[in-house]
Each structure stands twice: as C-alpha cells, then as structure tokens.
Amino acid sequence: MSERRLDPSGDPGHGLPAAWQPPVMPEDTRRIGLDRNTVEGAWVEFASLLDRRRTSHVVVAWLALAIFVVPVLLTLANLFR
C-alpha cells in the first residue's frame, strides 16, 4: 500500500481548483442597476452563461422562451376574443 503524502495544510492533494469568479455583467446592465442579486440581473446572468454550441443549453433556451412567450400569447388571445 502506498503512503499518502499530505500537504502542510493537511490536504491529501485534492486541493480546490482556482477560485470561481462570477461572470462580469455587461456595462449597460450595471449602469441600469442590475446585478446578480436582483431577479432581473440573475436572469441576465443565467442567459449570458448559455452556450449555443451545447445542445442542452439550446434546449434550455428554447424552454425558457416558451415559458415566457406562451402565457403572453394566451393572454392576448383572451383579450381579443
């Protein structure tokens, strides 16, 4: 059995990767007062993290669009009846 060597901190070599940094919000969103702690800013941050090269991200984007658009279309349909 091999001996496990510990770092001076007591960590067996499974150190955390570099600290995660949140994405930088675009300047125009910060200028209007949005940050990741506001509901709208959180949505902007979520949408900015989606990558169109990943199929799962494209599916999530279409589902989010449907969640927002379908209620609007149903409301408009009821108004013009």
N, C-alpha and C. Protein backbone atom coordinates (compact mmCIF):
# COMPACT_ATOMS: atom_id res chain seq x y z
N MET A 1 0.85 -1.18 0.00
CA MET A 1 0.00 0.00 0.00
C MET A 1 0.89 1.23 0.00
N SER A 2 0.57 2.19 -0.85
CA SER A 2 1.41 3.39 -0.94
C SER A 2 1.06 4.38 0.16
N GLU A 3 2.06 5.10 0.55
CA GLU A 3 1.87 6.10 1.61
C GLU A 3 1.32 7.38 0.98
N ARG A 4 0.31 7.92 1.60
CA ARG A 4 -0.28 9.17 1.11
C ARG A 4 0.44 10.34 1.75
N ARG A 5 0.97 11.18 0.93
CA ARG A 5 1.67 12.34 1.45
C ARG A 5 0.70 13.50 1.55
N LEU A 6 0.78 14.21 2.65
CA LEU A 6 -0.11 15.34 2.90
C LEU A 6 0.63 16.65 2.68
N ASP A 7 -0.10 17.61 2.16
CA ASP A 7 0.44 18.96 2.10
C ASP A 7 0.58 19.46 3.54
N PRO A 8 1.37 20.52 3.74
CA PRO A 8 1.48 21.06 5.09
C PRO A 8 0.13 21.47 5.67
N SER A 9 -0.84 21.77 4.79
CA SER A 9 -2.15 22.16 5.29
C SER A 9 -2.98 20.96 5.71
N GLY A 10 -2.51 19.75 5.43
CA GLY A 10 -3.27 18.56 5.77
C GLY A 10 -4.10 18.04 4.61
N ASP A 11 -4.04 18.71 3.48
CA ASP A 11 -4.80 18.31 2.30
C ASP A 11 -4.06 17.19 1.58
N PRO A 12 -4.73 16.07 1.29
CA PRO A 12 -4.05 14.95 0.64
C PRO A 12 -3.84 15.16 -0.86
N GLY A 13 -3.79 16.38 -1.32
CA GLY A 13 -3.53 16.64 -2.73
C GLY A 13 -4.78 16.87 -3.55
N HIS A 14 -5.92 16.99 -2.92
CA HIS A 14 -7.17 17.22 -3.64
C HIS A 14 -7.58 18.68 -3.50
N GLY A 15 -6.64 19.57 -3.64
CA GLY A 15 -6.91 20.98 -3.47
C GLY A 15 -8.00 21.48 -4.41
N LEU A 16 -8.64 22.52 -4.00
CA LEU A 16 -9.68 23.12 -4.83
C LEU A 16 -9.05 23.78 -6.04
N PRO A 17 -9.76 23.75 -7.18
CA PRO A 17 -9.23 24.48 -8.33
C PRO A 17 -9.24 25.97 -8.03
N ALA A 18 -8.72 26.73 -8.95
CA ALA A 18 -8.68 28.18 -8.76
C ALA A 18 -10.08 28.68 -8.39
N ALA A 19 -10.12 29.69 -7.57
CA ALA A 19 -11.40 30.20 -7.08
C ALA A 19 -12.29 30.59 -8.24
N TRP A 20 -13.56 30.20 -8.16
CA TRP A 20 -14.53 30.53 -9.20
C TRP A 20 -14.88 32.00 -9.11
N GLN A 21 -14.87 32.65 -10.23
CA GLN A 21 -15.24 34.05 -10.30
C GLN A 21 -16.53 34.16 -11.09
N PRO A 22 -17.51 34.90 -10.57
CA PRO A 22 -18.74 35.06 -11.33
C PRO A 22 -18.47 35.84 -12.61
N PRO A 23 -19.29 35.60 -13.64
CA PRO A 23 -19.07 36.34 -14.88
C PRO A 23 -19.31 37.82 -14.66
N VAL A 24 -18.61 38.61 -15.42
CA VAL A 24 -18.74 40.06 -15.30
C VAL A 24 -19.99 40.48 -16.06
N MET A 25 -20.87 41.21 -15.36
CA MET A 25 -22.08 41.69 -16.00
C MET A 25 -21.71 42.76 -17.02
N PRO A 26 -22.41 42.79 -18.15
CA PRO A 26 -22.12 43.83 -19.14
C PRO A 26 -22.31 45.22 -18.54
N GLU A 27 -21.57 46.17 -19.07
CA GLU A 27 -21.59 47.53 -18.54
C GLU A 27 -22.99 48.14 -18.56
N ASP A 28 -23.75 47.91 -19.64
CA ASP A 28 -25.08 48.52 -19.72
C ASP A 28 -26.03 47.97 -18.67
N THR A 29 -25.89 46.70 -18.30
CA THR A 29 -26.77 46.16 -17.25
C THR A 29 -26.38 46.72 -15.88
N ARG A 30 -25.09 46.90 -15.66
CA ARG A 30 -24.68 47.51 -14.39
C ARG A 30 -25.11 48.97 -14.31
N ARG A 31 -25.09 49.65 -15.45
CA ARG A 31 -25.46 51.06 -15.48
C ARG A 31 -26.92 51.26 -15.11
N ILE A 32 -27.80 50.32 -15.48
CA ILE A 32 -29.21 50.47 -15.13
C ILE A 32 -29.55 49.85 -13.78
N GLY A 33 -28.53 49.39 -13.06
CA GLY A 33 -28.73 48.94 -11.69
C GLY A 33 -28.96 47.45 -11.51
N LEU A 34 -28.69 46.66 -12.52
CA LEU A 34 -28.87 45.21 -12.38
C LEU A 34 -27.56 44.58 -11.94
N ASP A 35 -27.66 43.67 -11.02
CA ASP A 35 -26.53 42.84 -10.67
C ASP A 35 -27.06 41.45 -10.39
N ARG A 36 -26.17 40.53 -10.05
CA ARG A 36 -26.59 39.14 -9.88
C ARG A 36 -27.51 38.95 -8.68
N ASN A 37 -27.67 39.94 -7.83
CA ASN A 37 -28.53 39.83 -6.65
C ASN A 37 -29.95 40.33 -6.89
N THR A 38 -30.24 40.85 -8.07
CA THR A 38 -31.59 41.25 -8.41
C THR A 38 -32.19 40.15 -9.29
N VAL A 39 -33.50 40.03 -9.29
CA VAL A 39 -34.14 38.97 -10.06
C VAL A 39 -33.82 39.12 -11.55
N GLU A 40 -33.98 40.32 -12.05
CA GLU A 40 -33.73 40.55 -13.47
C GLU A 40 -32.26 40.34 -13.81
N GLY A 41 -31.37 40.78 -12.92
CA GLY A 41 -29.94 40.59 -13.15
C GLY A 41 -29.56 39.12 -13.13
N ALA A 42 -30.21 38.35 -12.27
CA ALA A 42 -29.94 36.91 -12.24
C ALA A 42 -30.36 36.26 -13.55
N TRP A 43 -31.49 36.70 -14.13
CA TRP A 43 -31.92 36.17 -15.42
C TRP A 43 -30.93 36.55 -16.52
N VAL A 44 -30.44 37.77 -16.48
CA VAL A 44 -29.45 38.21 -17.48
C VAL A 44 -28.19 37.37 -17.34
N GLU A 45 -27.75 37.15 -16.12
CA GLU A 45 -26.55 36.35 -15.91
C GLU A 45 -26.77 34.92 -16.38
N PHE A 46 -27.92 34.33 -16.06
CA PHE A 46 -28.24 32.97 -16.49
C PHE A 46 -28.21 32.87 -18.02
N ALA A 47 -28.85 33.81 -18.68
CA ALA A 47 -28.90 33.78 -20.14
C ALA A 47 -27.52 33.98 -20.75
N SER A 48 -26.69 34.79 -20.11
CA SER A 48 -25.36 35.04 -20.67
C SER A 48 -24.44 33.83 -20.52
N LEU A 49 -24.76 32.92 -19.61
CA LEU A 49 -23.93 31.74 -19.43
C LEU A 49 -24.27 30.61 -20.40
N LEU A 50 -25.41 30.72 -21.11
CA LEU A 50 -25.78 29.68 -22.06
C LEU A 50 -24.84 29.71 -23.26
N ASP A 51 -24.45 28.53 -23.70
CA ASP A 51 -23.51 28.39 -24.81
C ASP A 51 -24.22 27.71 -25.97
N ARG A 52 -24.33 28.40 -27.11
CA ARG A 52 -25.10 27.86 -28.23
C ARG A 52 -24.47 26.62 -28.84
N ARG A 53 -23.23 26.31 -28.52
CA ARG A 53 -22.58 25.11 -29.05
C ARG A 53 -23.02 23.85 -28.32
N ARG A 54 -23.62 24.01 -27.15
CA ARG A 54 -24.06 22.85 -26.37
C ARG A 54 -25.55 22.63 -26.57
N THR A 55 -25.92 21.44 -26.97
CA THR A 55 -27.31 21.11 -27.27
C THR A 55 -28.20 21.32 -26.05
N SER A 56 -27.73 20.93 -24.89
CA SER A 56 -28.56 21.09 -23.69
C SER A 56 -28.84 22.56 -23.39
N HIS A 57 -27.90 23.44 -23.68
CA HIS A 57 -28.10 24.86 -23.46
C HIS A 57 -29.12 25.43 -24.44
N VAL A 58 -29.09 24.93 -25.68
CA VAL A 58 -30.06 25.37 -26.68
C VAL A 58 -31.46 24.94 -26.26
N VAL A 59 -31.60 23.72 -25.76
CA VAL A 59 -32.90 23.22 -25.30
C VAL A 59 -33.40 24.07 -24.14
N VAL A 60 -32.54 24.38 -23.20
CA VAL A 60 -32.93 25.22 -22.05
C VAL A 60 -33.36 26.61 -22.53
N ALA A 61 -32.66 27.17 -23.49
CA ALA A 61 -33.02 28.49 -24.01
C ALA A 61 -34.39 28.46 -24.66
N TRP A 62 -34.68 27.44 -25.46
CA TRP A 62 -36.00 27.34 -26.09
C TRP A 62 -37.10 27.13 -25.06
N LEU A 63 -36.83 26.32 -24.04
CA LEU A 63 -37.83 26.12 -22.98
C LEU A 63 -38.10 27.42 -22.22
N ALA A 64 -37.05 28.15 -21.92
CA ALA A 64 -37.23 29.43 -21.23
C ALA A 64 -38.03 30.40 -22.09
N LEU A 65 -37.75 30.42 -23.38
CA LEU A 65 -38.50 31.28 -24.28
C LEU A 65 -39.98 30.88 -24.30
N ALA A 66 -40.25 29.59 -24.35
CA ALA A 66 -41.64 29.12 -24.35
C ALA A 66 -42.34 29.48 -23.04
N ILE A 67 -41.63 29.37 -21.93
CA ILE A 67 -42.22 29.69 -20.62
C ILE A 67 -42.62 31.16 -20.57
N PHE A 68 -41.88 32.02 -21.22
CA PHE A 68 -42.21 33.44 -21.21
C PHE A 68 -43.22 33.83 -22.28
N VAL A 69 -43.16 33.20 -23.44
CA VAL A 69 -43.98 33.63 -24.57
C VAL A 69 -45.39 33.03 -24.52
N VAL A 70 -45.53 31.78 -24.15
CA VAL A 70 -46.84 31.12 -24.17
C VAL A 70 -47.86 31.86 -23.30
N PRO A 71 -47.56 32.24 -22.06
CA PRO A 71 -48.56 32.98 -21.27
C PRO A 71 -48.95 34.32 -21.91
N VAL A 72 -48.00 34.99 -22.54
CA VAL A 72 -48.31 36.26 -23.20
C VAL A 72 -49.27 36.03 -24.37
N LEU A 73 -49.00 35.00 -25.16
CA LEU A 73 -49.88 34.70 -26.29
C LEU A 73 -51.27 34.28 -25.82
N LEU A 74 -51.36 33.51 -24.75
CA LEU A 74 -52.67 33.12 -24.22
C LEU A 74 -53.44 34.33 -23.70
N THR A 75 -52.76 35.24 -23.05
CA THR A 75 -53.40 36.45 -22.55
C THR A 75 -53.91 37.31 -23.70
N LEU A 76 -53.10 37.45 -24.73
CA LEU A 76 -53.54 38.23 -25.90
C LEU A 76 -54.71 37.56 -26.60
N ALA A 77 -54.72 36.25 -26.66
CA ALA A 77 -55.84 35.53 -27.29
C ALA A 77 -57.13 35.77 -26.51
N ASN A 78 -57.03 35.81 -25.18
CA ASN A 78 -58.24 36.06 -24.36
C ASN A 78 -58.71 37.51 -24.48
N LEU A 79 -57.80 38.42 -24.67
CA LEU A 79 -58.19 39.84 -24.80
C LEU A 79 -58.93 40.13 -26.09
N PHE A 80 -58.56 39.46 -27.16
CA PHE A 80 -59.15 39.75 -28.46
C PHE A 80 -60.26 38.79 -28.85
N ARG A 81 -60.82 38.08 -27.91
CA ARG A 81 -61.96 37.21 -28.18
C ARG A 81 -63.22 37.97 -28.21
